[in-house]
Protein backbone atom coordinates (compact mmCIF):
# COMPACT_ATOMS: atom_id res chain seq x y z
CA MET A 1 88.16 -37.29 107.00
CA SER A 2 89.98 -39.05 104.23
CA ILE A 3 91.50 -37.12 101.34
CA SER A 4 91.72 -38.85 97.98
CA SER A 5 95.01 -38.97 96.17
CA ALA A 6 93.18 -37.16 93.36
CA ASP A 7 93.32 -34.01 95.48
CA PRO A 8 96.68 -32.42 96.37
CA ALA A 9 98.13 -32.56 99.84
CA PRO A 10 96.90 -29.47 101.74
CA VAL A 11 99.18 -26.48 102.08
CA HIS A 12 97.62 -25.43 105.41
CA GLU A 13 96.29 -27.39 108.35
CA ALA A 14 92.55 -26.73 108.76
CA SER A 15 90.84 -26.44 112.11
CA GLY A 16 87.52 -28.28 112.19
CA ARG A 17 85.36 -28.21 109.09
CA VAL A 18 86.28 -26.13 106.05
CA TRP A 19 83.51 -23.77 104.95
CA LEU A 20 83.22 -21.87 101.67
CA ILE A 21 80.61 -19.13 102.10
CA THR A 22 79.53 -16.73 99.36
CA GLY A 23 78.16 -13.28 100.04
CA ALA A 24 80.02 -13.42 103.36
CA SER A 25 80.63 -9.71 103.87
CA SER A 26 77.23 -9.03 105.46
CA GLY A 27 73.85 -10.46 106.40
CA PHE A 28 73.38 -14.21 106.62
CA GLY A 29 76.77 -14.90 105.06
CA ARG A 30 78.57 -12.92 107.71
CA ALA A 31 76.48 -14.44 110.51
CA ILE A 32 77.14 -18.00 109.29
CA ALA A 33 80.85 -17.28 108.98
CA GLU A 34 80.97 -15.96 112.54
CA ALA A 35 79.05 -18.97 113.87
CA ALA A 36 81.32 -21.43 112.07
CA LEU A 37 84.42 -19.68 113.40
CA ALA A 38 82.96 -19.65 116.91
CA ALA A 39 82.51 -23.42 116.57
CA GLY A 40 86.26 -23.74 115.88
CA ASP A 41 85.99 -24.27 112.13
CA THR A 42 87.88 -22.79 109.20
CA VAL A 43 86.09 -20.33 106.93
CA VAL A 44 86.87 -19.16 103.42
CA ALA A 45 84.67 -16.09 103.15
CA ALA A 46 83.91 -15.03 99.59
CA ALA A 47 82.67 -11.58 98.61
CA ARG A 48 82.85 -9.16 95.73
CA ARG A 49 84.66 -6.78 98.10
CA PRO A 50 86.90 -8.93 100.32
CA SER A 51 88.20 -5.83 102.12
CA ALA A 52 84.84 -5.76 103.92
CA LEU A 53 86.01 -8.93 105.69
CA ASP A 54 89.31 -7.53 106.99
CA ASP A 55 88.04 -7.39 110.57
CA LEU A 56 86.81 -10.99 110.47
CA VAL A 57 90.13 -12.22 109.11
CA ALA A 58 92.08 -10.20 111.69
CA ALA A 59 89.97 -11.59 114.53
CA HIS A 60 90.57 -15.21 113.49
CA PRO A 61 94.13 -15.49 112.15
CA GLY A 62 94.74 -18.76 110.39
CA ARG A 63 91.09 -19.80 110.43
CA ALA A 64 89.42 -17.07 108.36
CA VAL A 65 90.46 -16.22 104.81
CA ALA A 66 88.75 -13.70 102.52
CA VAL A 67 88.62 -14.23 98.77
CA ARG A 68 87.21 -12.15 95.94
CA LEU A 69 84.33 -13.82 94.13
CA ASP A 70 81.45 -12.68 91.98
CA VAL A 71 79.29 -15.81 91.74
CA THR A 72 78.15 -14.88 88.25
CA ASP A 73 81.75 -15.29 87.05
CA ILE A 74 81.91 -19.02 86.30
CA ALA A 75 85.66 -19.02 85.58
CA ALA A 76 86.33 -17.37 88.94
CA ILE A 77 84.24 -20.03 90.68
CA THR A 78 86.47 -22.78 89.30
CA ASP A 79 89.59 -20.93 90.43
CA VAL A 80 88.33 -20.24 93.96
CA VAL A 81 87.26 -23.83 94.57
CA ALA A 82 90.62 -25.09 93.28
CA GLU A 83 92.42 -22.66 95.61
CA VAL A 84 90.46 -23.77 98.66
CA VAL A 85 91.19 -27.43 97.94
CA LEU A 86 94.85 -26.58 97.37
CA TRP A 87 95.02 -24.71 100.69
CA TYR A 88 93.11 -27.14 102.91
CA GLY A 89 92.69 -30.36 100.94
CA ARG A 90 88.92 -30.37 101.26
CA ILE A 91 85.68 -28.40 101.39
CA ASP A 92 83.23 -29.65 104.00
CA VAL A 93 80.43 -27.10 103.72
CA LEU A 94 79.46 -24.91 100.79
CA VAL A 95 77.03 -22.09 101.58
CA ASN A 96 75.46 -20.51 98.51
CA ASN A 97 74.34 -17.26 100.09
CA ALA A 98 75.12 -14.43 97.66
CA GLY A 99 71.97 -12.77 96.38
CA ARG A 100 69.90 -9.62 96.16
CA GLY A 101 66.28 -8.53 96.16
CA ILE A 102 64.27 -7.23 93.23
CA ILE A 103 60.80 -5.67 93.25
CA GLY A 104 58.63 -5.57 90.16
CA ALA A 105 55.53 -7.02 88.56
CA VAL A 106 56.07 -9.54 85.76
CA GLU A 107 55.18 -6.94 83.14
CA GLU A 108 57.55 -4.43 84.74
CA THR A 109 60.52 -6.82 84.77
CA THR A 110 62.75 -6.80 81.70
CA ASP A 111 64.36 -9.88 80.17
CA GLN A 112 67.77 -8.64 81.29
CA GLU A 113 66.62 -8.09 84.87
CA LEU A 114 65.17 -11.60 84.98
CA ARG A 115 68.33 -13.10 83.46
CA ASP A 116 70.49 -11.23 85.99
CA VAL A 117 68.46 -12.67 88.85
CA MET A 118 68.75 -16.18 87.46
CA GLU A 119 72.51 -15.81 87.01
CA LEU A 120 72.87 -14.81 90.66
CA HIS A 121 70.32 -17.09 92.30
CA LEU A 122 70.51 -20.20 90.11
CA PHE A 123 73.43 -20.44 87.69
CA GLY A 124 76.06 -19.19 90.16
CA PRO A 125 75.02 -21.58 92.96
CA ALA A 126 74.69 -24.43 90.45
CA ALA A 127 78.23 -23.81 89.18
CA LEU A 128 79.65 -23.66 92.70
CA THR A 129 77.83 -26.85 93.62
CA ARG A 130 79.16 -28.65 90.56
CA ALA A 131 82.68 -27.44 91.37
CA VAL A 132 82.70 -28.76 94.95
CA LEU A 133 80.88 -32.06 94.40
CA PRO A 134 83.83 -34.05 93.00
CA HIS A 135 85.85 -33.23 96.11
CA MET A 136 82.97 -34.01 98.48
CA ARG A 137 82.33 -37.30 96.70
CA ARG A 138 85.98 -38.29 97.12
CA GLN A 139 85.80 -37.32 100.79
CA GLY A 140 82.63 -39.32 101.26
CA SER A 141 81.05 -36.42 103.11
CA GLY A 142 80.02 -32.79 102.83
CA ALA A 143 77.09 -30.41 102.93
CA VAL A 144 75.63 -27.89 100.51
CA VAL A 145 73.58 -25.12 102.11
CA GLN A 146 71.32 -23.27 99.68
CA MET A 147 70.12 -19.95 101.06
CA SER A 148 66.67 -19.68 99.54
CA SER A 149 63.75 -17.77 101.06
CA MET A 150 60.14 -18.16 102.05
CA GLY A 151 59.84 -16.65 98.55
CA GLY A 152 61.30 -19.91 97.24
CA ARG A 153 58.27 -21.82 98.52
CA LEU A 154 55.50 -19.31 97.73
CA SER A 155 55.18 -16.03 95.89
CA PHE A 156 53.14 -12.84 95.86
CA PRO A 157 52.82 -9.66 93.78
CA GLY A 158 56.04 -7.76 93.23
CA VAL A 159 58.54 -10.57 93.77
CA SER A 160 58.04 -12.61 90.60
CA ALA A 161 61.66 -12.44 89.43
CA TYR A 162 63.08 -13.02 92.90
CA SER A 163 60.82 -16.00 93.51
CA ALA A 164 61.56 -17.40 90.05
CA GLY A 165 65.24 -17.64 90.95
CA LYS A 166 64.59 -19.14 94.38
CA PHE A 167 61.96 -21.59 93.10
CA ALA A 168 64.48 -22.76 90.50
CA LEU A 169 67.20 -23.14 93.13
CA GLU A 170 64.89 -25.22 95.32
CA GLY A 171 63.92 -27.50 92.44
CA LEU A 172 67.56 -28.07 91.57
CA SER A 173 68.43 -28.67 95.22
CA GLU A 174 65.64 -31.16 95.88
CA ALA A 175 66.89 -33.31 93.02
CA LEU A 176 70.49 -32.78 94.11
CA ALA A 177 69.74 -34.05 97.62
CA ALA A 178 68.47 -37.36 96.23
CA GLU A 179 71.42 -37.65 93.84
CA VAL A 180 74.21 -37.16 96.37
CA ALA A 181 72.85 -38.78 99.53
CA ARG A 182 74.61 -42.06 98.70
CA PHE A 183 77.94 -40.21 98.76
CA GLY A 184 77.42 -38.94 102.30
CA ILE A 185 76.60 -35.42 101.10
CA ARG A 186 73.74 -33.49 102.66
CA VAL A 187 71.71 -30.66 101.12
CA LEU A 188 69.96 -28.07 103.26
CA ILE A 189 67.56 -25.53 101.73
CA VAL A 190 67.13 -22.56 104.07
CA GLU A 191 63.93 -20.48 103.75
CA PRO A 192 64.18 -17.31 105.85
CA GLY A 193 61.50 -14.72 106.30
CA ALA A 194 62.32 -11.11 107.15
CA PHE A 195 65.67 -10.81 108.95
CA ARG A 196 67.85 -7.79 109.76
CA THR A 197 70.39 -8.45 107.04
CA GLY A 198 70.37 -5.28 104.94
CA PHE A 199 68.49 -7.18 102.21
CA ALA A 200 65.73 -4.56 102.07
CA GLY A 201 67.90 -1.47 101.98
CA GLY A 202 70.54 0.31 99.91
CA ASP A 203 72.11 -1.28 96.85
CA ALA A 204 70.97 -4.76 97.88
CA LEU A 205 67.43 -4.07 96.65
CA TYR A 206 66.77 -3.51 92.96
CA ARG A 207 63.53 -1.99 91.68
CA SER A 208 62.20 -2.53 88.17
CA GLY A 209 60.69 0.46 86.40
CA ALA A 210 57.15 1.01 87.71
CA LEU A 211 54.03 0.96 85.55
CA PRO A 212 51.04 2.91 86.92
CA ALA A 213 48.75 -0.04 86.15
CA TYR A 214 50.36 -1.99 89.01
CA ASP A 215 50.53 0.79 91.60
CA HIS A 216 47.62 -0.74 93.53
CA VAL A 217 49.16 -4.19 93.90
CA VAL A 218 52.93 -3.72 93.73
CA GLY A 219 53.18 -0.10 94.86
CA PRO A 220 52.50 -0.76 98.58
CA PHE A 221 55.17 -3.46 98.67
CA ARG A 222 57.60 -1.28 96.73
CA ASP A 223 57.33 1.26 99.56
CA ALA A 224 56.96 -1.11 102.50
CA LEU A 225 59.97 -3.36 101.92
CA PRO A 226 62.62 -0.59 102.01
CA ALA A 227 60.82 0.98 104.98
CA SER A 228 61.18 -2.31 106.89
CA ASP A 229 64.99 -2.23 106.74
CA GLY A 230 66.41 -2.48 110.25
CA LYS A 231 63.01 -3.34 111.72
CA GLN A 232 62.67 -6.95 110.62
CA PRO A 233 61.92 -9.46 113.40
CA GLY A 234 64.54 -12.05 112.45
CA ASP A 235 67.95 -12.27 114.14
CA PRO A 236 70.70 -13.39 111.69
CA ALA A 237 72.81 -14.81 114.52
CA LYS A 238 69.95 -17.07 115.61
CA ALA A 239 69.44 -18.10 111.98
CA ALA A 240 73.11 -19.05 111.71
CA ALA A 241 72.88 -21.09 114.92
CA ALA A 242 69.80 -22.89 113.57
CA ILE A 243 71.63 -23.72 110.33
CA LEU A 244 74.63 -25.15 112.16
CA GLY A 245 72.30 -27.14 114.38
CA ALA A 246 70.44 -28.57 111.39
CA LEU A 247 73.71 -29.58 109.71
CA ASP A 248 74.76 -31.44 112.85
CA ALA A 249 71.40 -33.19 113.31
CA GLU A 250 71.27 -36.95 112.91
CA GLN A 251 68.30 -36.53 110.54
CA PRO A 252 68.55 -33.03 109.09
CA PRO A 253 65.64 -31.52 107.18
CA LEU A 254 65.74 -30.88 103.46
CA ARG A 255 64.02 -27.52 103.96
CA LEU A 256 64.43 -25.27 107.00
CA PRO A 257 62.06 -22.27 107.23
CA LEU A 258 63.37 -19.59 109.59
CA GLY A 259 61.33 -16.94 111.38
CA ASN A 260 57.73 -16.86 112.58
CA ASP A 261 56.64 -15.03 109.43
CA ALA A 262 58.15 -17.71 107.21
CA ALA A 263 56.73 -20.52 109.35
CA ASP A 264 53.22 -18.99 109.31
CA ALA A 265 53.24 -18.23 105.57
CA ILE A 266 54.60 -21.64 104.57
CA ALA A 267 52.17 -23.49 106.86
CA LYS A 268 49.23 -21.60 105.32
CA HIS A 269 50.57 -22.20 101.82
CA LEU A 270 50.79 -25.94 102.49
CA ASP A 271 47.26 -26.02 103.91
CA ASP A 272 45.84 -24.01 101.01
CA GLY A 273 47.65 -26.20 98.49
CA ARG A 274 46.27 -29.40 100.02
CA ALA A 275 42.74 -27.98 100.12
CA GLU A 276 42.93 -26.98 96.45
CA PHE A 277 44.36 -30.36 95.49
CA GLN A 278 41.60 -32.24 97.30
CA LYS A 279 38.91 -30.08 95.65
CA TRP A 280 40.26 -30.82 92.16
CA GLU A 281 41.59 -34.32 92.81
CA PRO A 282 38.74 -36.07 90.92
CA VAL A 283 39.56 -33.99 87.84
CA SER A 284 43.27 -34.76 88.22
CA ARG A 285 42.55 -38.50 88.45
CA GLY A 286 40.03 -38.54 85.63
CA THR A 287 42.41 -37.82 82.77
CA ASP A 288 44.03 -41.24 82.19
CA ILE A 289 43.19 -43.28 79.10
CA ASP A 290 40.12 -45.45 79.73
CA GLY A 291 40.83 -49.11 80.29
């Protein structure tokens, strides 16, 4: 891979591709980091608590580096990307994985809670993407992996704020894919269902203040999601393998649903959407100016 003179000569020799993965201390981020390292690549694993990655770094000396990064800190994003390019001369794959869950009806969700979700799920990934694109364009290659969700394709009661962030990320990424294809840069939107990542438990799941009026529709989900922690059907290691396989495909998909639950829900959503469109198509087509 060629390195433009606009980028400095690398300080370290990289093995294989150079990955920058956010939210790498656990869940999908950790699984993707492990899969990339197993493939012989170099991983810069970013997390708010890089000490959680000490074992990964120790197991792969010279090929795994942990860095501190809160993706809502835009200045820190610029610094981390600059450091990676200084160290290795390039970034081949960016994985925007950092995120968290939030449960709450629209009326239960405050402006600040919604803004916090958008900072984490949209503005942070957008800033990271903007920061790596000049280097990928100069390389003439690269990939941006956006970890979305089946909740980025469809939504249901109790996940309005979460889906808002993921829907926005998918809209940005669909346009991005068309914008950067001519530079040899690929975009992959990953849409997992329920996987054993810790997403549903502990501090990773935020709950808006409950209103009794929504107990019947949001209440069951508010209880069921935390109860599912550790029992989800999806295997993060298999998800990571699927992502690496898609990146290496001759014709990779733009969107990659993962898990039977995601595949079933998205297939039904597509069918229902087409049926609704066809029912109302005459109305849609009857609104142009006559003549």
